[in-house]
Amino acid sequence: MKINKRKKKKGFTLIEAGAVVCIMLMLMTFFVPKVAGYINDAKKASIMAQAKTVVFAWETINSRETKKLGTEVTKASLEESGKNYTEYFDLSETKDIPDKTEIKTCMEIVKGSNYSFNDKGEIVLEVS
């Protein structure tokens, strides 16, 4: 009776492992930019929705008060003015828009203007 002393080798060869890594890298070069684009689009949509909330709050306060607020009013001062109108809007959900942002900037964002953030975290409208 002969016993086969050769053991079967398990695992991948170096060439097979290298091929798998190359294929994964090629797939990543296609999908990573797309995912990054989707993330940026989601952030822009979030900012757009929050800007609409701020503009709606400004319009609500101006329609209810005799003293009208100008478009130079900031989000922070709008929160102060609109404490009686929290049943109509909730500015606590506008966390991505800095407090120093003026209403006219939010209006431009709602209109579709391009914008970015500077190193201080403030919204800067891009002039075309």
C-alpha atoms as a PDB file:
ATOM      1  CA  MET A   1       0.000   0.000   0.000  1.00  0.00           C
ATOM      2  CA  LYS A   2       1.472   3.276  -1.152  1.00  0.00           C
ATOM      3  CA  ILE A   3       0.737   6.502   0.672  1.00  0.00           C
ATOM      4  CA  ASN A   4       0.895   9.649  -1.358  1.00  0.00           C
ATOM      5  CA  LYS A   5       3.277  11.883   0.569  1.00  0.00           C
ATOM      6  CA  ARG A   6       2.733  14.917  -1.637  1.00  0.00           C
ATOM      7  CA  LYS A   7       0.558  17.517   0.015  1.00  0.00           C
ATOM      8  CA  LYS A   8      -1.708  19.735  -2.036  1.00  0.00           C
ATOM      9  CA  LYS A   9      -0.668  23.327  -1.868  1.00  0.00           C
ATOM     10  CA  LYS A  10      -3.431  25.750  -0.904  1.00  0.00           C
ATOM     11  CA  GLY A  11      -3.671  29.450  -1.639  1.00  0.00           C
ATOM     12  CA  PHE A  12      -2.947  31.814  -4.486  1.00  0.00           C
ATOM     13  CA  THR A  13       0.245  32.251  -6.400  1.00  0.00           C
ATOM     14  CA  LEU A  14       1.896  35.626  -6.488  1.00  0.00           C
ATOM     15  CA  ILE A  15       0.736  36.169 -10.072  1.00  0.00           C
ATOM     16  CA  GLU A  16      -2.893  35.428  -9.211  1.00  0.00           C
ATOM     17  CA  ALA A  17      -2.811  37.791  -6.230  1.00  0.00           C
ATOM     18  CA  GLY A  18      -1.212  40.498  -8.376  1.00  0.00           C
ATOM     19  CA  ALA A  19      -3.883  40.084 -11.047  1.00  0.00           C
ATOM     20  CA  VAL A  20      -6.637  40.479  -8.434  1.00  0.00           C
ATOM     21  CA  VAL A  21      -5.017  43.645  -7.062  1.00  0.00           C
ATOM     22  CA  CYS A  22      -4.676  45.097 -10.587  1.00  0.00           C
ATOM     23  CA  ILE A  23      -8.332  44.414 -11.366  1.00  0.00           C
ATOM     24  CA  MET A  24      -9.424  46.023  -8.095  1.00  0.00           C
ATOM     25  CA  LEU A  25      -7.297  49.105  -8.779  1.00  0.00           C
ATOM     26  CA  MET A  26      -8.779  49.450 -12.248  1.00  0.00           C
ATOM     27  CA  LEU A  27     -12.301  49.234 -10.843  1.00  0.00           C
ATOM     28  CA  MET A  28     -11.483  51.825  -8.192  1.00  0.00           C
ATOM     29  CA  THR A  29     -10.238  54.306 -10.811  1.00  0.00           C
ATOM     30  CA  PHE A  30     -13.671  54.166 -12.419  1.00  0.00           C
ATOM     31  CA  PHE A  31     -15.880  54.236  -9.327  1.00  0.00           C
ATOM     32  CA  VAL A  32     -14.100  56.488  -6.812  1.00  0.00           C
ATOM     33  CA  PRO A  33     -14.578  59.709  -8.852  1.00  0.00           C
ATOM     34  CA  LYS A  34     -18.254  58.857  -9.393  1.00  0.00           C
ATOM     35  CA  VAL A  35     -18.815  58.301  -5.668  1.00  0.00           C
ATOM     36  CA  ALA A  36     -16.996  61.547  -4.834  1.00  0.00           C
ATOM     37  CA  GLY A  37     -19.230  63.346  -7.337  1.00  0.00           C
ATOM     38  CA  TYR A  38     -22.334  61.874  -5.718  1.00  0.00           C
ATOM     39  CA  ILE A  39     -21.138  63.032  -2.301  1.00  0.00           C
ATOM     40  CA  ASN A  40     -20.568  66.589  -3.573  1.00  0.00           C
ATOM     41  CA  ASP A  41     -23.994  66.602  -5.259  1.00  0.00           C
ATOM     42  CA  ALA A  42     -25.611  65.481  -1.997  1.00  0.00           C
ATOM     43  CA  LYS A  43     -23.844  68.243  -0.053  1.00  0.00           C
ATOM     44  CA  LYS A  44     -24.952  70.857  -2.601  1.00  0.00           C
ATOM     45  CA  ALA A  45     -28.543  69.586  -2.434  1.00  0.00           C
ATOM     46  CA  SER A  46     -28.423  69.819   1.371  1.00  0.00           C
ATOM     47  CA  ILE A  47     -27.116  73.402   1.232  1.00  0.00           C
ATOM     48  CA  MET A  48     -29.821  74.271  -1.338  1.00  0.00           C
ATOM     49  CA  ALA A  49     -32.581  72.934   0.929  1.00  0.00           C
ATOM     50  CA  GLN A  50     -31.178  74.783   3.934  1.00  0.00           C
ATOM     51  CA  ALA A  51     -30.890  78.031   1.943  1.00  0.00           C
ATOM     52  CA  LYS A  52     -34.542  77.650   0.939  1.00  0.00           C
ATOM     53  CA  THR A  53     -35.452  77.296   4.622  1.00  0.00           C
ATOM     54  CA  VAL A  54     -33.553  80.485   5.502  1.00  0.00           C
ATOM     55  CA  VAL A  55     -35.188  82.429   2.645  1.00  0.00           C
ATOM     56  CA  PHE A  56     -38.609  81.094   3.670  1.00  0.00           C
ATOM     57  CA  ALA A  57     -37.979  82.225   7.263  1.00  0.00           C
ATOM     58  CA  TRP A  58     -36.982  85.701   6.048  1.00  0.00           C
ATOM     59  CA  GLU A  59     -40.103  85.948   3.880  1.00  0.00           C
ATOM     60  CA  THR A  60     -42.328  84.763   6.735  1.00  0.00           C
ATOM     61  CA  ILE A  61     -40.930  87.329   9.157  1.00  0.00           C
ATOM     62  CA  ASN A  62     -41.235  90.113   6.575  1.00  0.00           C
ATOM     63  CA  SER A  63     -44.840  89.200   5.825  1.00  0.00           C
ATOM     64  CA  ARG A  64     -45.811  89.216   9.519  1.00  0.00           C
ATOM     65  CA  GLU A  65     -43.890  92.231  10.823  1.00  0.00           C
ATOM     66  CA  THR A  66     -44.417  95.904  10.066  1.00  0.00           C
ATOM     67  CA  LYS A  67     -40.672  96.582  10.201  1.00  0.00           C
ATOM     68  CA  LYS A  68     -39.228  94.785   7.174  1.00  0.00           C
ATOM     69  CA  LEU A  69     -35.835  93.082   7.276  1.00  0.00           C
ATOM     70  CA  GLY A  70     -33.396  93.793   4.456  1.00  0.00           C
ATOM     71  CA  THR A  71     -31.424  91.213   2.524  1.00  0.00           C
ATOM     72  CA  GLU A  72     -28.258  92.210   4.405  1.00  0.00           C
ATOM     73  CA  VAL A  73     -29.590  90.463   7.508  1.00  0.00           C
ATOM     74  CA  THR A  74     -27.552  87.443   8.557  1.00  0.00           C
ATOM     75  CA  LYS A  75     -28.882  84.021   9.455  1.00  0.00           C
ATOM     76  CA  ALA A  76     -27.988  84.592  13.131  1.00  0.00           C
ATOM     77  CA  SER A  77     -29.946  87.850  13.364  1.00  0.00           C
ATOM     78  CA  LEU A  78     -32.822  86.201  11.506  1.00  0.00           C
ATOM     79  CA  GLU A  79     -32.991  83.565  14.234  1.00  0.00           C
ATOM     80  CA  GLU A  80     -33.225  86.344  16.817  1.00  0.00           C
ATOM     81  CA  SER A  81     -36.014  88.102  14.897  1.00  0.00           C
ATOM     82  CA  GLY A  82     -38.000  84.958  14.188  1.00  0.00           C
ATOM     83  CA  LYS A  83     -38.351  83.443  17.639  1.00  0.00           C
ATOM     84  CA  ASN A  84     -42.122  84.053  17.530  1.00  0.00           C
ATOM     85  CA  TYR A  85     -42.452  82.197  14.223  1.00  0.00           C
ATOM     86  CA  THR A  86     -40.840  78.859  15.010  1.00  0.00           C
ATOM     87  CA  GLU A  87     -44.116  77.128  14.149  1.00  0.00           C
ATOM     88  CA  TYR A  88     -43.518  78.109  10.497  1.00  0.00           C
ATOM     89  CA  PHE A  89     -39.819  77.251  10.150  1.00  0.00           C
ATOM     90  CA  ASP A  90     -36.957  75.625  12.040  1.00  0.00           C
ATOM     91  CA  LEU A  91     -33.587  77.283  11.522  1.00  0.00           C
ATOM     92  CA  SER A  92     -31.865  74.775  13.797  1.00  0.00           C
ATOM     93  CA  GLU A  93     -31.852  72.424  10.804  1.00  0.00           C
ATOM     94  CA  THR A  94     -29.690  74.816   8.778  1.00  0.00           C
ATOM     95  CA  LYS A  95     -26.426  73.775  10.413  1.00  0.00           C
ATOM     96  CA  ASP A  96     -24.400  73.689   7.169  1.00  0.00           C
ATOM     97  CA  ILE A  97     -25.029  77.381   6.489  1.00  0.00           C
ATOM     98  CA  PRO A  98     -22.780  79.580   8.658  1.00  0.00           C
ATOM     99  CA  ASP A  99     -24.509  82.088  10.970  1.00  0.00           C
ATOM    100  CA  LYS A 100     -22.793  85.062   9.283  1.00  0.00           C
ATOM    101  CA  THR A 101     -24.337  84.237   5.890  1.00  0.00           C
ATOM    102  CA  GLU A 102     -26.541  87.030   4.570  1.00  0.00           C
ATOM    103  CA  ILE A 103     -30.038  86.456   3.212  1.00  0.00           C
ATOM    104  CA  LYS A 104     -29.032  87.724  -0.232  1.00  0.00           C
ATOM    105  CA  THR A 105     -26.390  84.974  -0.405  1.00  0.00           C
ATOM    106  CA  CYS A 106     -29.028  82.357   0.406  1.00  0.00           C
ATOM    107  CA  MET A 107     -31.280  83.851  -2.270  1.00  0.00           C
ATOM    108  CA  GLU A 108     -28.491  83.548  -4.834  1.00  0.00           C
ATOM    109  CA  ILE A 109     -27.940  79.902  -3.867  1.00  0.00           C
ATOM    110  CA  VAL A 110     -31.662  79.220  -4.304  1.00  0.00           C
ATOM    111  CA  LYS A 111     -31.535  80.879  -7.731  1.00  0.00           C
ATOM    112  CA  GLY A 112     -28.793  78.433  -8.718  1.00  0.00           C
ATOM    113  CA  SER A 113     -25.610  80.469  -8.381  1.00  0.00           C
ATOM    114  CA  ASN A 114     -22.366  78.551  -7.967  1.00  0.00           C
ATOM    115  CA  TYR A 115     -20.714  78.804  -4.582  1.00  0.00           C
ATOM    116  CA  SER A 116     -17.862  77.410  -2.540  1.00  0.00           C
ATOM    117  CA  PHE A 117     -16.556  77.629   1.019  1.00  0.00           C
ATOM    118  CA  ASN A 118     -13.486  79.626   1.990  1.00  0.00           C
ATOM    119  CA  ASP A 119     -10.944  78.592   4.644  1.00  0.00           C
ATOM    120  CA  LYS A 120     -13.063  80.254   7.365  1.00  0.00           C
ATOM    121  CA  GLY A 121     -16.083  78.109   6.428  1.00  0.00           C
ATOM    122  CA  GLU A 122     -18.031  81.035   4.935  1.00  0.00           C
ATOM    123  CA  ILE A 123     -20.028  80.675   1.736  1.00  0.00           C
ATOM    124  CA  VAL A 124     -18.473  82.523  -1.203  1.00  0.00           C
ATOM    125  CA  LEU A 125     -20.493  83.061  -4.360  1.00  0.00           C
ATOM    126  CA  GLU A 126     -18.566  82.397  -7.556  1.00  0.00           C
ATOM    127  CA  VAL A 127     -18.843  85.274  -9.996  1.00  0.00           C
ATOM    128  CA  SER A 128     -19.331  84.132 -13.579  1.00  0.00           C
END
